[in-house]
Amino acid sequence: MKELSVLEEIILTAVLRLEDDAYGVTVRRKAAAVTGKDILYGTLYNTLDQLVRKGLLSKTQGRPSAERGGRSKMYYRPTARGLCSLREARALHKQIWKGLPRLSTGD
């Protein structure tokens, strides 16, 4: 499977953490809370769309709401392929950091 970019990994893990509440604004907030980095909305939505095109995320349309001017939220969920990609990314990170005791945190 093709390796994930760091941004794709951040966004996929944010979606995974949010479970059924993963839509653009919450994904952005969760990613910022976990990484301390702010992701611009344009970058976020481009990456979400890219992950959907790659088959790593699925998206479903929520119900329209008056507070959003009748617009619907798009909710995201990791696919089986997306979860597999995250597992592979984690294994790759462990392998990369293995044997570097001065920098390793022991995870």
PDB file of N, CA and C in Angstrom:
ATOM      1  N   MET A   1       0.842  -1.175   0.000  1.00  0.00           N
ATOM      2  CA  MET A   1       0.000   0.000   0.000  1.00  0.00           C
ATOM      3  C   MET A   1       0.890   1.242   0.000  1.00  0.00           C
ATOM      4  N   LYS A   2       0.434   2.287  -0.662  1.00  0.00           N
ATOM      5  CA  LYS A   2       1.215   3.526  -0.739  1.00  0.00           C
ATOM      6  C   LYS A   2       1.273   4.200   0.624  1.00  0.00           C
ATOM      7  N   GLU A   3       2.427   4.760   0.926  1.00  0.00           N
ATOM      8  CA  GLU A   3       2.606   5.413   2.217  1.00  0.00           C
ATOM      9  C   GLU A   3       1.828   6.716   2.285  1.00  0.00           C
ATOM     10  N   LEU A   4       1.433   7.071   3.501  1.00  0.00           N
ATOM     11  CA  LEU A   4       0.678   8.294   3.761  1.00  0.00           C
ATOM     12  C   LEU A   4       1.627   9.464   3.959  1.00  0.00           C
ATOM     13  N   SER A   5       1.198  10.644   3.537  1.00  0.00           N
ATOM     14  CA  SER A   5       1.951  11.844   3.890  1.00  0.00           C
ATOM     15  C   SER A   5       1.667  12.129   5.364  1.00  0.00           C
ATOM     16  N   VAL A   6       2.468  12.967   5.966  1.00  0.00           N
ATOM     17  CA  VAL A   6       2.259  13.323   7.374  1.00  0.00           C
ATOM     18  C   VAL A   6       0.886  13.972   7.544  1.00  0.00           C
ATOM     19  N   LEU A   7       0.512  14.862   6.638  1.00  0.00           N
ATOM     20  CA  LEU A   7      -0.791  15.523   6.729  1.00  0.00           C
ATOM     21  C   LEU A   7      -1.935  14.516   6.601  1.00  0.00           C
ATOM     22  N   GLU A   8      -1.823  13.579   5.676  1.00  0.00           N
ATOM     23  CA  GLU A   8      -2.853  12.545   5.530  1.00  0.00           C
ATOM     24  C   GLU A   8      -2.967  11.723   6.810  1.00  0.00           C
ATOM     25  N   GLU A   9      -1.841  11.399   7.389  1.00  0.00           N
ATOM     26  CA  GLU A   9      -1.839  10.629   8.632  1.00  0.00           C
ATOM     27  C   GLU A   9      -2.499  11.413   9.772  1.00  0.00           C
ATOM     28  N   ILE A  10      -2.194  12.689   9.878  1.00  0.00           N
ATOM     29  CA  ILE A  10      -2.802  13.540  10.911  1.00  0.00           C
ATOM     30  C   ILE A  10      -4.316  13.578  10.741  1.00  0.00           C
ATOM     31  N   ILE A  11      -4.764  13.790   9.526  1.00  0.00           N
ATOM     32  CA  ILE A  11      -6.200  13.906   9.270  1.00  0.00           C
ATOM     33  C   ILE A  11      -6.901  12.573   9.460  1.00  0.00           C
ATOM     34  N   LEU A  12      -6.316  11.501   8.979  1.00  0.00           N
ATOM     35  CA  LEU A  12      -6.921  10.172   9.182  1.00  0.00           C
ATOM     36  C   LEU A  12      -7.042   9.825  10.665  1.00  0.00           C
ATOM     37  N   THR A  13      -6.023  10.111  11.436  1.00  0.00           N
ATOM     38  CA  THR A  13      -6.095   9.802  12.862  1.00  0.00           C
ATOM     39  C   THR A  13      -7.100  10.695  13.576  1.00  0.00           C
ATOM     40  N   ALA A  14      -7.237  11.943  13.135  1.00  0.00           N
ATOM     41  CA  ALA A  14      -8.249  12.831  13.725  1.00  0.00           C
ATOM     42  C   ALA A  14      -9.649  12.290  13.450  1.00  0.00           C
ATOM     43  N   VAL A  15      -9.889  11.854  12.228  1.00  0.00           N
ATOM     44  CA  VAL A  15     -11.190  11.264  11.878  1.00  0.00           C
ATOM     45  C   VAL A  15     -11.440  10.023  12.723  1.00  0.00           C
ATOM     46  N   LEU A  16     -10.447   9.183  12.871  1.00  0.00           N
ATOM     47  CA  LEU A  16     -10.580   7.968  13.672  1.00  0.00           C
ATOM     48  C   LEU A  16     -10.913   8.299  15.124  1.00  0.00           C
ATOM     49  N   ARG A  17     -10.261   9.290  15.691  1.00  0.00           N
ATOM     50  CA  ARG A  17     -10.512   9.693  17.077  1.00  0.00           C
ATOM     51  C   ARG A  17     -11.924  10.237  17.271  1.00  0.00           C
ATOM     52  N   LEU A  18     -12.446  10.919  16.269  1.00  0.00           N
ATOM     53  CA  LEU A  18     -13.749  11.573  16.385  1.00  0.00           C
ATOM     54  C   LEU A  18     -14.930  10.624  16.201  1.00  0.00           C
ATOM     55  N   GLU A  19     -14.675   9.455  15.668  1.00  0.00           N
ATOM     56  CA  GLU A  19     -15.712   8.451  15.421  1.00  0.00           C
ATOM     57  C   GLU A  19     -16.862   9.043  14.602  1.00  0.00           C
ATOM     58  N   ASP A  20     -18.081   9.094  15.150  1.00  0.00           N
ATOM     59  CA  ASP A  20     -19.258   9.537  14.387  1.00  0.00           C
ATOM     60  C   ASP A  20     -19.399  11.048  14.290  1.00  0.00           C
ATOM     61  N   ASP A  21     -18.486  11.811  14.855  1.00  0.00           N
ATOM     62  CA  ASP A  21     -18.584  13.269  14.855  1.00  0.00           C
ATOM     63  C   ASP A  21     -17.495  13.912  13.995  1.00  0.00           C
ATOM     64  N   ALA A  22     -17.050  13.213  12.966  1.00  0.00           N
ATOM     65  CA  ALA A  22     -15.949  13.696  12.133  1.00  0.00           C
ATOM     66  C   ALA A  22     -16.474  14.440  10.907  1.00  0.00           C
ATOM     67  N   TYR A  23     -16.530  15.749  11.003  1.00  0.00           N
ATOM     68  CA  TYR A  23     -16.816  16.601   9.855  1.00  0.00           C
ATOM     69  C   TYR A  23     -15.748  17.685   9.848  1.00  0.00           C
ATOM     70  N   GLY A  24     -15.686  18.471   8.808  1.00  0.00           N
ATOM     71  CA  GLY A  24     -14.576  19.393   8.599  1.00  0.00           C
ATOM     72  C   GLY A  24     -14.098  20.163   9.818  1.00  0.00           C
ATOM     73  N   VAL A  25     -15.003  20.871  10.489  1.00  0.00           N
ATOM     74  CA  VAL A  25     -14.617  21.717  11.622  1.00  0.00           C
ATOM     75  C   VAL A  25     -14.053  20.883  12.770  1.00  0.00           C
ATOM     76  N   THR A  26     -14.693  19.762  13.088  1.00  0.00           N
ATOM     77  CA  THR A  26     -14.218  18.950  14.211  1.00  0.00           C
ATOM     78  C   THR A  26     -12.895  18.261  13.881  1.00  0.00           C
ATOM     79  N   VAL A  27     -12.727  17.868  12.629  1.00  0.00           N
ATOM     80  CA  VAL A  27     -11.452  17.253  12.217  1.00  0.00           C
ATOM     81  C   VAL A  27     -10.326  18.267  12.371  1.00  0.00           C
ATOM     82  N   ARG A  28     -10.574  19.481  11.936  1.00  0.00           N
ATOM     83  CA  ARG A  28      -9.565  20.545  12.051  1.00  0.00           C
ATOM     84  C   ARG A  28      -9.214  20.808  13.510  1.00  0.00           C
ATOM     85  N   ARG A  29     -10.221  20.890  14.357  1.00  0.00           N
ATOM     86  CA  ARG A  29      -9.981  21.139  15.786  1.00  0.00           C
ATOM     87  C   ARG A  29      -9.212  19.998  16.436  1.00  0.00           C
ATOM     88  N   LYS A  30      -9.607  18.765  16.127  1.00  0.00           N
ATOM     89  CA  LYS A  30      -8.942  17.603  16.724  1.00  0.00           C
ATOM     90  C   LYS A  30      -7.487  17.535  16.263  1.00  0.00           C
ATOM     91  N   ALA A  31      -7.245  17.764  14.994  1.00  0.00           N
ATOM     92  CA  ALA A  31      -5.874  17.738  14.472  1.00  0.00           C
ATOM     93  C   ALA A  31      -5.023  18.798  15.177  1.00  0.00           C
ATOM     94  N   ALA A  32      -5.581  19.979  15.380  1.00  0.00           N
ATOM     95  CA  ALA A  32      -4.854  21.052  16.065  1.00  0.00           C
ATOM     96  C   ALA A  32      -4.604  20.699  17.526  1.00  0.00           C
ATOM     97  N   ALA A  33      -5.603  20.093  18.175  1.00  0.00           N
ATOM     98  CA  ALA A  33      -5.456  19.727  19.591  1.00  0.00           C
ATOM     99  C   ALA A  33      -4.365  18.676  19.784  1.00  0.00           C
ATOM    100  N   VAL A  34      -4.280  17.740  18.858  1.00  0.00           N
ATOM    101  CA  VAL A  34      -3.306  16.646  18.987  1.00  0.00           C
ATOM    102  C   VAL A  34      -1.906  17.079  18.568  1.00  0.00           C
ATOM    103  N   THR A  35      -1.798  17.882  17.507  1.00  0.00           N
ATOM    104  CA  THR A  35      -0.482  18.212  16.961  1.00  0.00           C
ATOM    105  C   THR A  35       0.021  19.601  17.338  1.00  0.00           C
ATOM    106  N   GLY A  36      -0.889  20.486  17.748  1.00  0.00           N
ATOM    107  CA  GLY A  36      -0.503  21.866  18.010  1.00  0.00           C
ATOM    108  C   GLY A  36      -0.318  22.674  16.742  1.00  0.00           C
ATOM    109  N   LYS A  37      -0.711  22.112  15.605  1.00  0.00           N
ATOM    110  CA  LYS A  37      -0.556  22.790  14.315  1.00  0.00           C
ATOM    111  C   LYS A  37      -1.926  23.139  13.746  1.00  0.00           C
ATOM    112  N   ASP A  38      -2.022  24.337  13.202  1.00  0.00           N
ATOM    113  CA  ASP A  38      -3.264  24.798  12.596  1.00  0.00           C
ATOM    114  C   ASP A  38      -3.278  24.404  11.123  1.00  0.00           C
ATOM    115  N   ILE A  39      -4.357  23.782  10.682  1.00  0.00           N
ATOM    116  CA  ILE A  39      -4.500  23.395   9.280  1.00  0.00           C
ATOM    117  C   ILE A  39      -5.517  24.336   8.648  1.00  0.00           C
ATOM    118  N   LEU A  40      -5.128  24.971   7.568  1.00  0.00           N
ATOM    119  CA  LEU A  40      -6.045  25.862   6.864  1.00  0.00           C
ATOM    120  C   LEU A  40      -7.206  25.055   6.285  1.00  0.00           C
ATOM    121  N   TYR A  41      -8.386  25.675   6.236  1.00  0.00           N
ATOM    122  CA  TYR A  41      -9.562  24.957   5.736  1.00  0.00           C
ATOM    123  C   TYR A  41      -9.374  24.446   4.310  1.00  0.00           C
ATOM    124  N   GLY A  42      -8.768  25.238   3.441  1.00  0.00           N
ATOM    125  CA  GLY A  42      -8.547  24.792   2.069  1.00  0.00           C
ATOM    126  C   GLY A  42      -7.674  23.545   2.019  1.00  0.00           C
ATOM    127  N   THR A  43      -6.623  23.549   2.818  1.00  0.00           N
ATOM    128  CA  THR A  43      -5.732  22.391   2.895  1.00  0.00           C
ATOM    129  C   THR A  43      -6.471  21.187   3.462  1.00  0.00           C
ATOM    130  N   LEU A  44      -7.264  21.418   4.500  1.00  0.00           N
ATOM    131  CA  LEU A  44      -8.025  20.337   5.124  1.00  0.00           C
ATOM    132  C   LEU A  44      -8.972  19.685   4.127  1.00  0.00           C
ATOM    133  N   TYR A  45      -9.807  20.496   3.479  1.00  0.00           N
ATOM    134  CA  TYR A  45     -10.810  19.929   2.572  1.00  0.00           C
ATOM    135  C   TYR A  45     -10.173  19.293   1.339  1.00  0.00           C
ATOM    136  N   ASN A  46      -9.085  19.838   0.842  1.00  0.00           N
ATOM    137  CA  ASN A  46      -8.377  19.194  -0.267  1.00  0.00           C
ATOM    138  C   ASN A  46      -7.859  17.823   0.150  1.00  0.00           C
ATOM    139  N   THR A  47      -7.308  17.746   1.355  1.00  0.00           N
ATOM    140  CA  THR A  47      -6.766  16.473   1.842  1.00  0.00           C
ATOM    141  C   THR A  47      -7.888  15.481   2.122  1.00  0.00           C
ATOM    142  N   LEU A  48      -8.987  15.931   2.723  1.00  0.00           N
ATOM    143  CA  LEU A  48     -10.133  15.044   2.944  1.00  0.00           C
ATOM    144  C   LEU A  48     -10.625  14.476   1.610  1.00  0.00           C
ATOM    145  N   ASP A  49     -10.781  15.334   0.606  1.00  0.00           N
ATOM    146  CA  ASP A  49     -11.222  14.863  -0.718  1.00  0.00           C
ATOM    147  C   ASP A  49     -10.226  13.878  -1.323  1.00  0.00           C
ATOM    148  N   GLN A  50      -8.944  14.151  -1.146  1.00  0.00           N
ATOM    149  CA  GLN A  50      -7.907  13.252  -1.661  1.00  0.00           C
ATOM    150  C   GLN A  50      -7.995  11.885  -0.985  1.00  0.00           C
ATOM    151  N   LEU A  51      -8.213  11.884   0.333  1.00  0.00           N
ATOM    152  CA  LEU A  51      -8.329  10.620   1.064  1.00  0.00           C
ATOM    153  C   LEU A  51      -9.576   9.843   0.641  1.00  0.00           C
ATOM    154  N   VAL A  52     -10.648  10.551   0.315  1.00  0.00           N
ATOM    155  CA  VAL A  52     -11.857   9.891  -0.201  1.00  0.00           C
ATOM    156  C   VAL A  52     -11.555   9.279  -1.573  1.00  0.00           C
ATOM    157  N   ARG A  53     -10.904  10.042  -2.450  1.00  0.00           N
ATOM    158  CA  ARG A  53     -10.564   9.533  -3.790  1.00  0.00           C
ATOM    159  C   ARG A  53      -9.661   8.304  -3.719  1.00  0.00           C
ATOM    160  N   LYS A  54      -8.757   8.278  -2.746  1.00  0.00           N
ATOM    161  CA  LYS A  54      -7.848   7.140  -2.574  1.00  0.00           C
ATOM    162  C   LYS A  54      -8.543   5.937  -1.942  1.00  0.00           C
ATOM    163  N   GLY A  55      -9.768   6.124  -1.464  1.00  0.00           N
ATOM    164  CA  GLY A  55     -10.498   5.035  -0.824  1.00  0.00           C
ATOM    165  C   GLY A  55     -10.125   4.830   0.630  1.00  0.00           C
ATOM    166  N   LEU A  56      -9.480   5.818   1.253  1.00  0.00           N
ATOM    167  CA  LEU A  56      -9.058   5.694   2.645  1.00  0.00           C
ATOM    168  C   LEU A  56     -10.097   6.255   3.612  1.00  0.00           C
ATOM    169  N   LEU A  57     -10.967   7.115   3.110  1.00  0.00           N
ATOM    170  CA  LEU A  57     -12.094   7.659   3.873  1.00  0.00           C
ATOM    171  C   LEU A  57     -13.357   7.498   3.051  1.00  0.00           C
ATOM    172  N   SER A  58     -14.473   7.375   3.747  1.00  0.00           N
ATOM    173  CA  SER A  58     -15.774   7.473   3.086  1.00  0.00           C
ATOM    174  C   SER A  58     -16.438   8.724   3.618  1.00  0.00           C
ATOM    175  N   LYS A  59     -17.356   9.283   2.849  1.00  0.00           N
ATOM    176  CA  LYS A  59     -18.068  10.459   3.338  1.00  0.00           C
ATOM    177  C   LYS A  59     -19.553  10.291   3.087  1.00  0.00           C
ATOM    178  N   THR A  60     -20.327  10.780   4.048  1.00  0.00           N
ATOM    179  CA  THR A  60     -21.780  10.747   3.941  1.00  0.00           C
ATOM    180  C   THR A  60     -22.315  12.122   4.302  1.00  0.00           C
ATOM    181  N   GLN A  61     -23.412  12.449   3.681  1.00  0.00           N
ATOM    182  CA  GLN A  61     -24.022  13.749   3.908  1.00  0.00           C
ATOM    183  C   GLN A  61     -24.992  13.657   5.072  1.00  0.00           C
ATOM    184  N   GLY A  62     -24.862  14.608   6.010  1.00  0.00           N
ATOM    185  CA  GLY A  62     -25.778  14.682   7.140  1.00  0.00           C
ATOM    186  C   GLY A  62     -27.050  15.405   6.742  1.00  0.00           C
ATOM    187  N   ARG A  63     -27.892  15.632   7.712  1.00  0.00           N
ATOM    188  CA  ARG A  63     -29.150  16.346   7.465  1.00  0.00           C
ATOM    189  C   ARG A  63     -28.897  17.852   7.374  1.00  0.00           C
ATOM    190  N   PRO A  64     -29.667  18.545   6.538  1.00  0.00           N
ATOM    191  CA  PRO A  64     -29.556  20.010   6.499  1.00  0.00           C
ATOM    192  C   PRO A  64     -29.959  20.610   7.839  1.00  0.00           C
ATOM    193  N   SER A  65     -29.311  21.694   8.218  1.00  0.00           N
ATOM    194  CA  SER A  65     -29.664  22.338   9.486  1.00  0.00           C
ATOM    195  C   SER A  65     -29.882  23.826   9.261  1.00  0.00           C
ATOM    196  N   ALA A  66     -30.811  24.382  10.012  1.00  0.00           N
ATOM    197  CA  ALA A  66     -31.125  25.806   9.907  1.00  0.00           C
ATOM    198  C   ALA A  66     -29.924  26.661  10.299  1.00  0.00           C
ATOM    199  N   GLU A  67     -29.163  26.204  11.290  1.00  0.00           N
ATOM    200  CA  GLU A  67     -28.003  26.979  11.742  1.00  0.00           C
ATOM    201  C   GLU A  67     -26.931  27.099  10.665  1.00  0.00           C
ATOM    202  N   ARG A  68     -26.949  26.213   9.692  1.00  0.00           N
ATOM    203  CA  ARG A  68     -25.989  26.257   8.582  1.00  0.00           C
ATOM    204  C   ARG A  68     -26.652  26.775   7.308  1.00  0.00           C
ATOM    205  N   GLY A  69     -27.760  27.465   7.454  1.00  0.00           N
ATOM    206  CA  GLY A  69     -28.443  28.019   6.286  1.00  0.00           C
ATOM    207  C   GLY A  69     -29.023  26.950   5.386  1.00  0.00           C
ATOM    208  N   GLY A  70     -29.429  25.828   5.983  1.00  0.00           N
ATOM    209  CA  GLY A  70     -30.018  24.733   5.215  1.00  0.00           C
ATOM    210  C   GLY A  70     -29.011  23.799   4.572  1.00  0.00           C
ATOM    211  N   ARG A  71     -27.734  24.033   4.817  1.00  0.00           N
ATOM    212  CA  ARG A  71     -26.692  23.165   4.239  1.00  0.00           C
ATOM    213  C   ARG A  71     -26.441  21.966   5.147  1.00  0.00           C
ATOM    214  N   SER A  72     -25.942  20.909   4.561  1.00  0.00           N
ATOM    215  CA  SER A  72     -25.630  19.685   5.301  1.00  0.00           C
ATOM    216  C   SER A  72     -24.144  19.590   5.597  1.00  0.00           C
ATOM    217  N   LYS A  73     -23.821  18.940   6.702  1.00  0.00           N
ATOM    218  CA  LYS A  73     -22.425  18.623   7.004  1.00  0.00           C
ATOM    219  C   LYS A  73     -22.053  17.344   6.272  1.00  0.00           C
ATOM    220  N   MET A  74     -20.781  17.243   5.904  1.00  0.00           N
ATOM    221  CA  MET A  74     -20.255  16.007   5.334  1.00  0.00           C
ATOM    222  C   MET A  74     -19.475  15.301   6.438  1.00  0.00           C
ATOM    223  N   TYR A  75     -19.874  14.076   6.722  1.00  0.00           N
ATOM    224  CA  TYR A  75     -19.228  13.286   7.768  1.00  0.00           C
ATOM    225  C   TYR A  75     -18.270  12.281   7.130  1.00  0.00           C
ATOM    226  N   TYR A  76     -17.148  12.060   7.800  1.00  0.00           N
ATOM    227  CA  TYR A  76     -16.094  11.183   7.281  1.00  0.00           C
ATOM    228  C   TYR A  76     -15.858  10.018   8.225  1.00  0.00           C
ATOM    229  N   ARG A  77     -15.528   8.876   7.625  1.00  0.00           N
ATOM    230  CA  ARG A  77     -15.178   7.670   8.391  1.00  0.00           C
ATOM    231  C   ARG A  77     -14.020   6.977   7.670  1.00  0.00           C
ATOM    232  N   PRO A  78     -13.093   6.407   8.445  1.00  0.00           N
ATOM    233  CA  PRO A  78     -12.021   5.642   7.797  1.00  0.00           C
ATOM    234  C   PRO A  78     -12.599   4.361   7.195  1.00  0.00           C
ATOM    235  N   THR A  79     -12.118   3.985   6.040  1.00  0.00           N
ATOM    236  CA  THR A  79     -12.494   2.711   5.433  1.00  0.00           C
ATOM    237  C   THR A  79     -11.541   1.628   5.964  1.00  0.00           C
ATOM    238  N   ALA A  80     -11.818   0.390   5.628  1.00  0.00           N
ATOM    239  CA  ALA A  80     -10.913  -0.705   6.016  1.00  0.00           C
ATOM    240  C   ALA A  80      -9.524  -0.455   5.430  1.00  0.00           C
ATOM    241  N   ARG A  81      -9.488   0.049   4.223  1.00  0.00           N
ATOM    242  CA  ARG A  81      -8.210   0.365   3.574  1.00  0.00           C
ATOM    243  C   ARG A  81      -7.494   1.507   4.309  1.00  0.00           C
ATOM    244  N   GLY A  82      -8.253   2.495   4.782  1.00  0.00           N
ATOM    245  CA  GLY A  82      -7.680   3.594   5.539  1.00  0.00           C
ATOM    246  C   GLY A  82      -7.078   3.124   6.852  1.00  0.00           C
ATOM    247  N   LEU A  83      -7.790   2.227   7.547  1.00  0.00           N
ATOM    248  CA  LEU A  83      -7.271   1.672   8.802  1.00  0.00           C
ATOM    249  C   LEU A  83      -6.005   0.869   8.557  1.00  0.00           C
ATOM    250  N   CYS A  84      -5.992   0.123   7.464  1.00  0.00           N
ATOM    251  CA  CYS A  84      -4.793  -0.649   7.102  1.00  0.00           C
ATOM    252  C   CYS A  84      -3.614   0.294   6.838  1.00  0.00           C
ATOM    253  N   SER A  85      -3.875   1.395   6.151  1.00  0.00           N
ATOM    254  CA  SER A  85      -2.825   2.379   5.872  1.00  0.00           C
ATOM    255  C   SER A  85      -2.266   2.971   7.161  1.00  0.00           C
ATOM    256  N   LEU A  86      -3.160   3.241   8.124  1.00  0.00           N
ATOM    257  CA  LEU A  86      -2.691   3.773   9.413  1.00  0.00           C
ATOM    258  C   LEU A  86      -1.846   2.754  10.169  1.00  0.00           C
ATOM    259  N   ARG A  87      -2.259   1.497  10.137  1.00  0.00           N
ATOM    260  CA  ARG A  87      -1.461   0.455  10.796  1.00  0.00           C
ATOM    261  C   ARG A  87      -0.075   0.356  10.164  1.00  0.00           C
ATOM    262  N   GLU A  88      -0.032   0.411   8.830  1.00  0.00           N
ATOM    263  CA  GLU A  88       1.251   0.346   8.134  1.00  0.00           C
ATOM    264  C   GLU A  88       2.116   1.558   8.454  1.00  0.00           C
ATOM    265  N   ALA A  89       1.501   2.732   8.550  1.00  0.00           N
ATOM    266  CA  ALA A  89       2.252   3.949   8.896  1.00  0.00           C
ATOM    267  C   ALA A  89       2.832   3.833  10.297  1.00  0.00           C
ATOM    268  N   ARG A  90       2.036   3.310  11.219  1.00  0.00           N
ATOM    269  CA  ARG A  90       2.520   3.150  12.594  1.00  0.00           C
ATOM    270  C   ARG A  90       3.690   2.164  12.655  1.00  0.00           C
ATOM    271  N   ALA A  91       3.565   1.065  11.939  1.00  0.00           N
ATOM    272  CA  ALA A  91       4.651   0.077  11.910  1.00  0.00           C
ATOM    273  C   ALA A  91       5.912   0.682  11.291  1.00  0.00           C
ATOM    274  N   LEU A  92       5.755   1.484  10.250  1.00  0.00           N
ATOM    275  CA  LEU A  92       6.899   2.135   9.621  1.00  0.00           C
ATOM    276  C   LEU A  92       7.575   3.099  10.596  1.00  0.00           C
ATOM    277  N   HIS A  93       6.772   3.879  11.328  1.00  0.00           N
ATOM    278  CA  HIS A  93       7.346   4.803  12.312  1.00  0.00           C
ATOM    279  C   HIS A  93       8.118   4.042  13.389  1.00  0.00           C
ATOM    280  N   LYS A  94       7.552   2.959  13.864  1.00  0.00           N
ATOM    281  CA  LYS A  94       8.250   2.166  14.886  1.00  0.00           C
ATOM    282  C   LYS A  94       9.584   1.654  14.352  1.00  0.00           C
ATOM    283  N   GLN A  95       9.585   1.196  13.111  1.00  0.00           N
ATOM    284  CA  GLN A  95      10.812   0.668  12.508  1.00  0.00           C
ATOM    285  C   GLN A  95      11.845   1.776  12.332  1.00  0.00           C
ATOM    286  N   ILE A  96      11.397   2.933  11.908  1.00  0.00           N
ATOM    287  CA  ILE A  96      12.317   4.054  11.699  1.00  0.00           C
ATOM    288  C   ILE A  96      12.977   4.457  13.010  1.00  0.00           C
ATOM    289  N   TRP A  97      12.199   4.507  14.100  1.00  0.00           N
ATOM    290  CA  TRP A  97      12.707   4.982  15.394  1.00  0.00           C
ATOM    291  C   TRP A  97      13.434   3.899  16.189  1.00  0.00           C
ATOM    292  N   LYS A  98      13.263   2.656  15.799  1.00  0.00           N
ATOM    293  CA  LYS A  98      13.887   1.552  16.511  1.00  0.00           C
ATOM    294  C   LYS A  98      15.413   1.719  16.486  1.00  0.00           C
ATOM    295  N   GLY A  99      16.030   1.563  17.645  1.00  0.00           N
ATOM    296  CA  GLY A  99      17.480   1.635  17.727  1.00  0.00           C
ATOM    297  C   GLY A  99      18.051   3.032  17.878  1.00  0.00           C
ATOM    298  N   LEU A 100      17.196   4.011  18.130  1.00  0.00           N
ATOM    299  CA  LEU A 100      17.669   5.373  18.341  1.00  0.00           C
ATOM    300  C   LEU A 100      17.384   5.773  19.788  1.00  0.00           C
ATOM    301  N   PRO A 101      18.136   5.220  20.740  1.00  0.00           N
ATOM    302  CA  PRO A 101      17.821   5.422  22.151  1.00  0.00           C
ATOM    303  C   PRO A 101      17.912   6.863  22.611  1.00  0.00           C
ATOM    304  N   ARG A 102      18.750   7.660  21.996  1.00  0.00           N
ATOM    305  CA  ARG A 102      18.857   9.058  22.446  1.00  0.00           C
ATOM    306  C   ARG A 102      17.640   9.881  22.066  1.00  0.00           C
ATOM    307  N   LEU A 103      16.892   9.472  21.078  1.00  0.00           N
ATOM    308  CA  LEU A 103      15.717  10.209  20.642  1.00  0.00           C
ATOM    309  C   LEU A 103      14.410   9.496  20.947  1.00  0.00           C
ATOM    310  N   SER A 104      14.480   8.226  21.229  1.00  0.00           N
ATOM    311  CA  SER A 104      13.281   7.432  21.460  1.00  0.00           C
ATOM    312  C   SER A 104      12.664   7.751  22.804  1.00  0.00           C
ATOM    313  N   THR A 105      11.329   7.732  22.863  1.00  0.00           N
ATOM    314  CA  THR A 105      10.617   7.973  24.114  1.00  0.00           C
ATOM    315  C   THR A 105      10.227   6.663  24.787  1.00  0.00           C
ATOM    316  N   GLY A 106      10.553   5.550  24.174  1.00  0.00           N
ATOM    317  CA  GLY A 106      10.214   4.258  24.758  1.00  0.00           C
ATOM    318  C   GLY A 106       8.856   3.732  24.368  1.00  0.00           C
ATOM    319  N   ASP A 107       8.167   4.447  23.448  1.00  0.00           N
ATOM    320  CA  ASP A 107       6.849   3.975  22.995  1.00  0.00           C
ATOM    321  C   ASP A 107       7.035   2.776  22.177  1.00  0.00           C
TER     322      ASP A 107
END
